[in-house]
């Protein structure tokens, strides 16, 4: 069977699956966790000077959807763009391990803006997130990103997730979702992954551009400006050169199993590929008293997995560059003994102790590489000036499939991130998870409650 024929059969099965996304309490709860986790990431992102400046330039007071910042509101498309940039900024949004994609990031900003503008309810929002997540991650599984990563999924897949979610929110119709996704695939952006490792902040724009493109695609499909059902292989296989996953195309998407159930949540504000090295470094720092004196360190050896090896910049100049640098992440944790959000914000890029340690960090492959879920391991070993060695390893960082965050863990993270500016956010979030906030409640009312008492 040709790739096109296999894709069309896969697409038909996907369409048949898109019925009643909130059919189980488990799916609804997971969708709510993704929503709340990504909203908290937006709140933190909106505290940065660059995001606030972008909001001032792109947003406009008096619009139909709110920015999660003191800058007021904007049109739904612009609000989604700015909020997506904020959500991506600190690497705190949730992710998806079976394929390289962040399904929540691609759906949530567009959905909450559309829902606020149209008066949709909380369950409408959750169902649309499930659908957008399903479509974007399904494409990512069917045409997996080659290794090493050349294109960034925030650019290639975000229009698809946003358009699919919007189409479901507007119509509740599987055919409309597929048509919108077909259009969105033609708006996919071939942005180089290298720019993330180089610390180019434009990378944080890609999810925002995808949200904007999602609105364009959903409206175009709704108006009859359609694409072709076979366009996804044209884009991802023929144009980008991604090899199709024949097993996924032959058997997926899995009936009765929603992709959002396989997502993960992150504790650390750095690229997930660095997290195992981060945890190993934290273990060593703790054993050395909570912080390492660079004058006592001769060398830091880090053995890690293939996705982390290219993240080798020893002199990052932006906060994004720091989040995508194993030497910076490891050096920062060793020097400070900390793993909180602030320590990866960019504040420590020029810290003398961190700067002294970074060039001493040397990366090498972790061999043999274990099978999933231990396929992203790291081992950190310090050679001290006095000849002693201190080491630790992490086969799988917290948040992964074998060490998932519990509901309470995610809610505690949400509380920590939002408490400084939104003291009531965490309490409302718990109400959304427990069902105390009814699914029929207008999304705008839920957002009012989440943001109440804010002093941004």
Protein backbone atom coordinates (compact mmCIF):
# COMPACT_ATOMS: atom_id res chain seq x y z
CA UNK A 1 0.00 0.00 0.00
CA UNK A 2 1.31 3.45 -0.89
CA UNK A 3 1.97 6.01 1.83
CA UNK A 4 -0.90 8.12 0.56
CA UNK A 5 -3.35 5.21 0.66
CA UNK A 6 -2.16 4.20 4.13
CA UNK A 7 -2.55 7.78 5.32
CA UNK A 8 -6.08 8.07 3.93
CA UNK A 9 -7.07 4.86 5.76
CA UNK A 10 -5.46 6.19 8.97
CA UNK A 11 -7.27 9.50 8.52
CA UNK A 12 -10.60 7.70 8.13
CA UNK A 13 -10.01 5.81 11.37
CA UNK A 14 -9.14 9.05 13.11
CA UNK A 15 -12.38 10.62 11.92
CA UNK A 16 -14.38 7.65 13.18
CA UNK A 17 -12.68 8.02 16.56
CA UNK A 18 -13.59 11.68 17.02
CA UNK A 19 -16.87 11.11 18.81
CA UNK A 20 -17.56 12.16 22.41
CA UNK A 21 -14.00 13.10 23.47
CA UNK A 22 -15.02 13.35 27.14
CA UNK A 23 -16.46 9.85 27.23
CA UNK A 24 -14.52 8.94 30.38
CA UNK A 25 -13.70 10.71 33.63
CA UNK A 26 -10.05 9.85 33.09
CA UNK A 27 -9.91 11.71 29.77
CA UNK A 28 -11.73 14.71 31.22
CA UNK A 29 -9.38 14.85 34.19
CA UNK A 30 -6.32 14.63 31.98
CA UNK A 31 -7.64 17.38 29.70
CA UNK A 32 -8.24 19.58 32.73
CA UNK A 33 -4.70 18.94 33.98
CA UNK A 34 -3.26 19.88 30.59
CA UNK A 35 -5.38 23.03 30.52
CA UNK A 36 -4.40 24.13 34.03
CA UNK A 37 -0.74 23.23 33.60
CA UNK A 38 -0.49 25.25 30.40
CA UNK A 39 -2.40 28.18 31.88
CA UNK A 40 0.08 28.28 34.76
CA UNK A 41 2.92 28.23 32.22
CA UNK A 42 1.27 31.21 30.50
CA UNK A 43 1.06 33.10 33.79
CA UNK A 44 4.79 32.65 34.39
CA UNK A 45 5.68 33.48 30.79
CA UNK A 46 3.73 36.73 30.95
CA UNK A 47 6.03 37.94 33.74
CA UNK A 48 9.00 38.23 31.39
CA UNK A 49 9.89 41.58 29.87
CA UNK A 50 9.96 40.27 26.30
CA UNK A 51 6.48 38.73 26.50
CA UNK A 52 5.06 41.89 28.04
CA UNK A 53 6.63 43.99 25.29
CA UNK A 54 5.25 41.62 22.67
CA UNK A 55 1.81 41.83 24.27
CA UNK A 56 1.95 45.64 24.14
CA UNK A 57 2.84 45.56 20.44
CA UNK A 58 0.49 42.78 19.30
CA UNK A 59 -2.46 43.05 21.69
CA UNK A 60 -4.93 45.87 22.06
CA UNK A 61 -7.09 46.87 25.03
CA UNK A 62 -10.79 46.22 24.77
CA UNK A 63 -10.61 43.04 22.70
CA UNK A 64 -12.70 39.88 22.95
CA UNK A 65 -10.22 37.54 24.66
CA UNK A 66 -7.90 38.16 27.57
CA UNK A 67 -4.16 38.03 27.71
CA UNK A 68 -2.93 36.40 30.88
CA UNK A 69 -1.12 39.60 31.74
CA UNK A 70 -1.96 43.11 32.87
CA UNK A 71 -2.10 44.20 29.21
CA UNK A 72 -5.84 43.59 28.94
CA UNK A 73 -7.43 41.89 25.95
CA UNK A 74 -7.16 41.53 22.20
CA UNK A 75 -8.90 39.87 19.28
CA UNK A 76 -9.16 36.13 19.79
CA UNK A 77 -6.45 35.44 17.21
CA UNK A 78 -4.00 37.91 18.76
CA UNK A 79 -4.78 36.82 22.30
CA UNK A 80 -4.07 33.21 21.31
CA UNK A 81 -0.80 34.24 19.68
CA UNK A 82 0.48 36.14 22.72
CA UNK A 83 -0.69 33.52 25.22
CA UNK A 84 0.98 30.75 23.21
CA UNK A 85 4.27 32.64 23.23
CA UNK A 86 3.96 33.00 27.00
CA UNK A 87 3.10 29.31 27.47
CA UNK A 88 6.17 28.21 25.50
CA UNK A 89 8.59 30.65 27.13
CA UNK A 90 9.76 28.74 30.21
CA UNK A 91 9.52 25.13 29.01
CA UNK A 92 6.88 24.48 31.68
CA UNK A 93 4.05 23.34 29.40
CA UNK A 94 3.24 19.64 29.22
CA UNK A 95 4.62 17.31 26.57
CA UNK A 96 4.08 14.01 24.76
CA UNK A 97 6.65 11.20 24.84
CA UNK A 98 5.38 8.78 22.11
CA UNK A 99 6.29 11.40 19.49
CA UNK A 100 7.97 14.80 19.40
CA UNK A 101 5.07 17.19 20.00
CA UNK A 102 3.44 19.34 22.69
CA UNK A 103 -0.23 18.66 22.05
CA UNK A 104 -1.52 20.94 24.80
CA UNK A 105 0.56 23.94 23.74
CA UNK A 106 -0.83 23.68 20.22
CA UNK A 107 -4.48 23.51 21.31
CA UNK A 108 -4.96 25.40 24.58
CA UNK A 109 -4.17 29.02 23.58
CA UNK A 110 -6.49 28.95 20.56
CA UNK A 111 -9.28 27.14 22.39
CA UNK A 112 -9.43 29.44 25.43
CA UNK A 113 -9.47 32.55 23.24
CA UNK A 114 -12.23 31.19 20.99
CA UNK A 115 -14.25 29.96 23.97
CA UNK A 116 -14.09 33.32 25.73
CA UNK A 117 -15.15 35.14 22.57
CA UNK A 118 -18.06 32.81 21.81
CA UNK A 119 -19.39 31.97 25.28
CA UNK A 120 -18.44 28.28 25.18
CA UNK A 121 -18.48 26.24 28.37
CA UNK A 122 -15.74 24.49 30.34
CA UNK A 123 -16.52 21.03 28.98
CA UNK A 124 -16.55 22.46 25.46
CA UNK A 125 -13.02 23.72 26.09
CA UNK A 126 -11.85 20.37 27.48
CA UNK A 127 -13.32 18.38 24.59
CA UNK A 128 -11.69 20.67 22.02
CA UNK A 129 -8.32 20.30 23.75
CA UNK A 130 -8.63 16.50 23.61
CA UNK A 131 -9.40 16.64 19.87
CA UNK A 132 -6.65 19.11 19.00
CA UNK A 133 -4.19 17.05 21.02
CA UNK A 134 -5.30 13.84 19.29
CA UNK A 135 -4.88 15.20 15.78
CA UNK A 136 -1.53 16.96 16.28
CA UNK A 137 0.11 14.07 18.11
CA UNK A 138 -1.39 11.56 15.68
CA UNK A 139 0.34 13.28 12.78
CA UNK A 140 3.55 13.33 14.83
CA UNK A 141 3.30 9.57 15.38
CA UNK A 142 2.45 8.81 11.77
CA UNK A 143 5.36 10.90 10.47
CA UNK A 144 7.90 10.97 13.32
CA UNK A 145 10.61 13.60 13.40
CA UNK A 146 13.97 12.25 12.16
CA UNK A 147 16.91 12.13 14.56
CA UNK A 148 18.78 14.35 15.08
CA UNK A 149 15.94 16.85 15.05
CA UNK A 150 16.11 19.23 12.10
CA UNK A 151 12.72 20.97 12.29
CA UNK A 152 11.00 22.11 15.46
CA UNK A 153 7.56 20.57 16.13
CA UNK A 154 6.23 23.83 17.60
CA UNK A 155 6.40 25.18 14.05
CA UNK A 156 5.50 22.09 12.04
CA UNK A 157 2.60 20.80 14.16
CA UNK A 158 1.09 23.73 16.04
CA UNK A 159 -1.17 24.93 13.19
CA UNK A 160 -2.64 21.43 12.94
CA UNK A 161 -3.43 21.12 16.64
CA UNK A 162 -4.90 24.61 16.84
CA UNK A 163 -7.06 24.23 13.74
CA UNK A 164 -8.40 20.83 14.79
CA UNK A 165 -9.29 22.08 18.26
CA UNK A 166 -11.00 25.19 16.91
CA UNK A 167 -12.98 23.22 14.36
CA UNK A 168 -14.28 20.89 17.07
CA UNK A 169 -15.17 23.80 19.35
CA UNK A 170 -17.09 25.47 16.54
CA UNK A 171 -18.83 22.44 15.05
CA UNK A 172 -18.38 19.27 17.11
CA UNK A 173 -18.01 17.51 13.77
CA UNK A 174 -15.21 15.10 12.88
CA UNK A 175 -15.36 15.93 9.18
CA UNK A 176 -14.89 19.62 9.92
CA UNK A 177 -11.92 18.78 12.16
CA UNK A 178 -10.20 16.76 9.44
CA UNK A 179 -10.87 19.42 6.82
CA UNK A 180 -9.38 22.12 9.06
CA UNK A 181 -6.34 19.95 9.80
CA UNK A 182 -5.82 19.40 6.06
CA UNK A 183 -5.73 23.15 5.49
CA UNK A 184 -3.49 23.69 8.53
CA UNK A 185 -0.94 21.15 7.26
CA UNK A 186 -0.32 23.46 4.30
CA UNK A 187 0.45 26.26 6.78
CA UNK A 188 3.06 24.18 8.63
CA UNK A 189 6.31 26.10 9.14
CA UNK A 190 9.74 24.50 8.48
CA UNK A 191 11.56 26.24 11.33
CA UNK A 192 15.03 24.89 12.18
CA UNK A 193 15.37 23.11 15.52
CA UNK A 194 18.90 24.51 15.65
CA UNK A 195 17.54 27.94 16.54
CA UNK A 196 16.28 26.56 19.86
CA UNK A 197 19.70 25.17 20.78
CA UNK A 198 21.24 28.45 19.64
CA UNK A 199 18.95 30.33 22.03
CA UNK A 200 17.15 32.33 19.34
CA UNK A 201 14.03 33.63 21.09
CA UNK A 202 12.07 33.45 17.84
CA UNK A 203 11.56 29.81 18.74
CA UNK A 204 9.07 30.96 21.37
CA UNK A 205 7.04 32.62 18.60
CA UNK A 206 6.36 29.42 16.67
CA UNK A 207 3.54 28.14 18.87
CA UNK A 208 1.99 31.62 18.69
CA UNK A 209 2.25 31.68 14.92
CA UNK A 210 0.70 28.21 14.88
CA UNK A 211 -2.25 29.41 16.96
CA UNK A 212 -2.81 32.27 14.53
CA UNK A 213 -2.51 29.91 11.55
CA UNK A 214 -4.97 27.57 13.25
CA UNK A 215 -7.62 30.30 13.24
CA UNK A 216 -6.91 30.97 9.57
CA UNK A 217 -7.14 27.28 8.68
CA UNK A 218 -10.31 26.60 10.67
CA UNK A 219 -12.09 29.59 9.14
CA UNK A 220 -10.85 28.80 5.63
CA UNK A 221 -12.07 25.20 5.82
CA UNK A 222 -15.40 26.34 7.26
CA UNK A 223 -15.79 28.80 4.37
CA UNK A 224 -15.01 26.16 1.75
CA UNK A 225 -11.35 26.99 1.05
CA UNK A 226 -10.41 23.35 1.42
CA UNK A 227 -7.22 21.37 0.95
CA UNK A 228 -6.78 17.72 -0.03
CA UNK A 229 -7.20 14.67 2.26
CA UNK A 230 -3.78 13.40 1.20
CA UNK A 231 -1.89 16.59 1.92
CA UNK A 232 -0.18 15.48 5.17
CA UNK A 233 2.14 12.99 3.39
CA UNK A 234 2.82 15.69 0.79
CA UNK A 235 4.03 18.03 3.54
CA UNK A 236 5.75 15.73 6.00
CA UNK A 237 7.06 12.93 3.78
CA UNK A 238 7.60 14.52 0.37
CA UNK A 239 8.55 18.05 1.47
CA UNK A 240 10.15 17.61 4.91
CA UNK A 241 11.53 14.15 4.23
CA UNK A 242 10.01 12.46 7.29
CA UNK A 243 9.73 8.69 6.93
CA UNK A 244 6.25 7.38 7.71
CA UNK A 245 5.79 4.99 10.60
CA UNK A 246 4.29 2.06 8.74
CA UNK A 247 3.08 0.35 11.90
CA UNK A 248 1.24 3.48 13.05
CA UNK A 249 -0.32 3.99 9.62
CA UNK A 250 -1.42 0.36 9.49
CA UNK A 251 -2.95 0.12 12.97
CA UNK A 252 -3.41 3.58 14.47
CA UNK A 253 -4.88 5.61 15.91
CA UNK A 254 -5.58 3.21 18.75
CA UNK A 255 -9.34 2.80 19.21
CA UNK A 256 -10.65 3.94 22.55
CA UNK A 257 -7.29 5.31 23.68
CA UNK A 258 -6.91 9.09 23.58
CA UNK A 259 -3.41 10.45 23.08
CA UNK A 260 -3.82 12.99 25.86
CA UNK A 261 -3.63 10.13 28.36
CA UNK A 262 -0.01 9.55 27.31
CA UNK A 263 1.15 13.10 27.97
CA UNK A 264 3.55 14.10 30.72
CA UNK A 265 3.98 17.13 32.98
CA UNK A 266 7.28 18.80 33.81
CA UNK A 267 8.66 20.19 37.05
CA UNK A 268 11.77 21.85 35.66
CA UNK A 269 11.88 25.01 33.54
CA UNK A 270 14.33 23.62 31.00
CA UNK A 271 14.16 21.46 27.90
CA UNK A 272 12.94 18.00 28.88
CA UNK A 273 15.96 16.45 27.19
CA UNK A 274 18.14 17.95 29.97
CA UNK A 275 16.03 16.72 32.89
CA UNK A 276 17.84 13.46 33.64
CA UNK A 277 21.19 15.28 33.75
CA UNK A 278 19.55 17.97 35.86
CA UNK A 279 18.34 15.42 38.40
CA UNK A 280 21.69 13.63 38.55
CA UNK A 281 23.45 16.97 39.09
CA UNK A 282 21.00 17.87 41.86
CA UNK A 283 21.75 14.59 43.61
CA UNK A 284 25.49 15.30 43.51
CA UNK A 285 25.02 18.91 44.66
CA UNK A 286 22.91 17.72 47.58
CA UNK A 287 25.58 15.29 48.70
CA UNK A 288 28.14 18.08 48.52
CA UNK A 289 26.14 20.38 50.77
CA UNK A 290 23.74 22.06 48.34
CA UNK A 291 26.19 23.89 46.12
CA UNK A 292 29.59 23.21 44.55
CA UNK A 293 32.58 25.53 44.69
CA UNK A 294 33.96 25.74 41.12
CA UNK A 295 37.48 26.10 42.50
CA UNK A 296 37.21 22.52 43.76
CA UNK A 297 36.02 21.02 40.45
CA UNK A 298 38.44 19.88 37.76
CA UNK A 299 35.96 18.33 35.30
CA UNK A 300 32.28 17.39 34.96
CA UNK A 301 31.48 14.41 32.75
CA UNK A 302 27.91 13.94 31.57
CA UNK A 303 26.89 10.81 29.71
CA UNK A 304 23.47 11.26 28.19
CA UNK A 305 21.00 10.22 25.51
CA UNK A 306 21.10 11.17 21.80
CA UNK A 307 18.45 13.91 22.02
CA UNK A 308 20.51 15.75 24.66
CA UNK A 309 23.94 15.44 23.05
CA UNK A 310 23.42 18.34 20.59
CA UNK A 311 22.50 20.64 23.51
CA UNK A 312 26.17 21.43 24.14
CA UNK A 313 26.46 25.23 24.15
CA UNK A 314 28.86 26.27 26.93
CA UNK A 315 28.14 30.00 26.60
CA UNK A 316 24.39 30.57 26.10
CA UNK A 317 23.39 34.21 25.86
CA UNK A 318 19.60 34.00 26.29
CA UNK A 319 17.30 32.30 28.76
CA UNK A 320 16.13 29.96 25.98
CA UNK A 321 19.72 29.09 25.15
CA UNK A 322 20.29 28.24 28.80
CA UNK A 323 17.24 25.98 28.89
CA UNK A 324 18.59 24.11 25.84
CA UNK A 325 22.14 23.78 27.14
CA UNK A 326 23.13 20.71 29.15
CA UNK A 327 26.35 22.44 30.32
CA UNK A 328 24.39 25.43 31.60
CA UNK A 329 21.65 23.39 33.25
CA UNK A 330 24.14 21.09 34.97
CA UNK A 331 26.46 23.94 35.98
CA UNK A 332 23.58 25.98 37.39
CA UNK A 333 22.25 23.11 39.48
CA UNK A 334 25.72 22.25 40.74
CA UNK A 335 26.58 25.85 41.63
CA UNK A 336 23.27 26.67 43.33
CA UNK A 337 21.92 23.35 44.51
CA UNK A 338 18.56 24.53 43.18
CA UNK A 339 16.07 23.31 40.56
CA UNK A 340 13.30 25.92 40.87
CA UNK A 341 11.90 28.00 38.02
CA UNK A 342 13.91 31.14 38.78
CA UNK A 343 17.26 29.38 38.58
CA UNK A 344 16.64 28.66 34.86
CA UNK A 345 15.13 32.05 34.02
CA UNK A 346 18.30 33.59 32.63
CA UNK A 347 19.25 35.25 35.90
CA UNK A 348 22.23 32.88 36.24
CA UNK A 349 23.59 33.15 32.69
CA UNK A 350 26.31 35.51 33.88
CA UNK A 351 26.70 34.14 37.40
CA UNK A 352 30.47 33.75 38.02
CA UNK A 353 30.21 30.27 39.55
CA UNK A 354 27.96 28.98 36.78
CA UNK A 355 30.14 30.56 34.09
CA UNK A 356 33.22 28.94 35.63
CA UNK A 357 31.64 25.47 35.66
CA UNK A 358 30.07 25.44 32.18
CA UNK A 359 33.31 24.93 30.18
CA UNK A 360 34.23 22.04 32.45
CA UNK A 361 31.11 20.09 31.46
CA UNK A 362 31.86 17.46 28.82
CA UNK A 363 29.15 15.44 27.06
CA UNK A 364 29.42 11.85 25.86
CA UNK A 365 26.91 9.18 24.82
CA UNK A 366 25.25 7.06 27.48
CA UNK A 367 26.02 3.53 26.26
CA UNK A 368 24.40 1.15 25.95
CA UNK A 369 21.20 3.16 25.70
CA UNK A 370 18.39 1.47 27.68
CA UNK A 371 14.98 0.72 26.19
CA UNK A 372 12.00 3.03 26.83
CA UNK A 373 10.98 4.42 29.23
CA UNK A 374 14.66 4.66 30.23
CA UNK A 375 15.75 5.94 26.81
CA UNK A 376 16.53 9.46 28.10
CA UNK A 377 19.08 8.73 30.85
CA UNK A 378 22.07 10.70 32.12
CA UNK A 379 25.00 10.12 34.43
CA UNK A 380 26.93 13.03 35.96
CA UNK A 381 30.39 12.61 37.49
CA UNK A 382 32.53 15.34 39.05
CA UNK A 383 36.30 14.97 39.17
CA UNK A 384 37.46 17.17 42.03
CA UNK A 385 40.79 18.95 42.24
CA UNK A 386 41.82 16.65 45.10
CA UNK A 387 41.23 13.59 42.89
CA UNK A 388 37.97 12.43 44.46
CA UNK A 389 34.96 11.66 42.30
CA UNK A 390 31.28 12.29 42.95
CA UNK A 391 28.65 10.85 40.65
CA UNK A 392 25.00 10.04 40.20
CA UNK A 393 22.66 9.01 37.43
CA UNK A 394 19.02 9.26 36.48
CA UNK A 395 17.58 6.71 34.09
CA UNK A 396 14.34 8.66 33.72
CA UNK A 397 13.48 12.11 35.03
CA UNK A 398 10.35 12.75 37.05
CA UNK A 399 7.35 13.33 34.83
CA UNK A 400 8.22 10.53 32.42
CA UNK A 401 6.05 7.47 31.74
CA UNK A 402 7.57 5.49 34.62
CA UNK A 403 7.66 8.43 37.07
CA UNK A 404 4.51 10.42 36.25
CA UNK A 405 3.41 13.39 38.28
CA UNK A 406 0.24 12.74 40.24
CA UNK A 407 -2.77 15.04 40.08
CA UNK A 408 -1.69 16.56 43.38
CA UNK A 409 1.85 17.01 42.06
CA UNK A 410 0.57 18.97 39.06
CA UNK A 411 -1.74 21.06 41.23
CA UNK A 412 1.12 21.80 43.62
CA UNK A 413 3.20 22.93 40.64
CA UNK A 414 0.31 25.12 39.43
CA UNK A 415 -0.02 26.64 42.90
CA UNK A 416 3.70 27.42 43.10
CA UNK A 417 3.74 29.06 39.68
CA UNK A 418 0.61 31.18 40.10
CA UNK A 419 0.62 32.15 43.79
CA UNK A 420 2.86 35.24 43.43
CA UNK A 421 0.41 37.02 41.14
CA UNK A 422 -2.85 35.04 41.21
CA UNK A 423 -3.54 33.92 44.79
CA UNK A 424 -6.91 32.30 43.99
CA UNK A 425 -5.86 30.42 40.88
CA UNK A 426 -4.85 27.20 42.65
CA UNK A 427 -8.10 26.92 44.61
CA UNK A 428 -10.20 27.32 41.47
CA UNK A 429 -7.96 24.83 39.66
CA UNK A 430 -8.70 22.23 42.32
CA UNK A 431 -12.41 22.92 41.85
CA UNK A 432 -12.09 22.31 38.11
CA UNK A 433 -10.38 18.96 38.76
CA UNK A 434 -12.79 17.85 41.49
CA UNK A 435 -15.92 18.76 39.54
CA UNK A 436 -16.94 21.50 41.96
CA UNK A 437 -16.78 23.79 38.93
CA UNK A 438 -19.50 22.40 36.68
CA UNK A 439 -18.66 21.52 33.10
CA UNK A 440 -21.53 23.69 31.90
CA UNK A 441 -19.96 26.81 33.46
CA UNK A 442 -19.08 29.42 30.86
CA UNK A 443 -15.34 29.43 30.21
CA UNK A 444 -15.23 33.20 30.68
CA UNK A 445 -16.61 32.73 34.21
CA UNK A 446 -14.01 30.05 34.97
CA UNK A 447 -11.30 32.39 33.74
CA UNK A 448 -12.72 35.22 35.86
CA UNK A 449 -12.41 33.01 38.93
CA UNK A 450 -8.90 31.85 38.07
CA UNK A 451 -7.66 35.41 37.58
CA UNK A 452 -9.58 36.98 40.47
CA UNK A 453 -7.44 38.88 42.94
CA UNK A 454 -4.56 39.13 40.53
CA UNK A 455 -2.05 41.91 40.99
CA UNK A 456 0.08 41.53 37.91
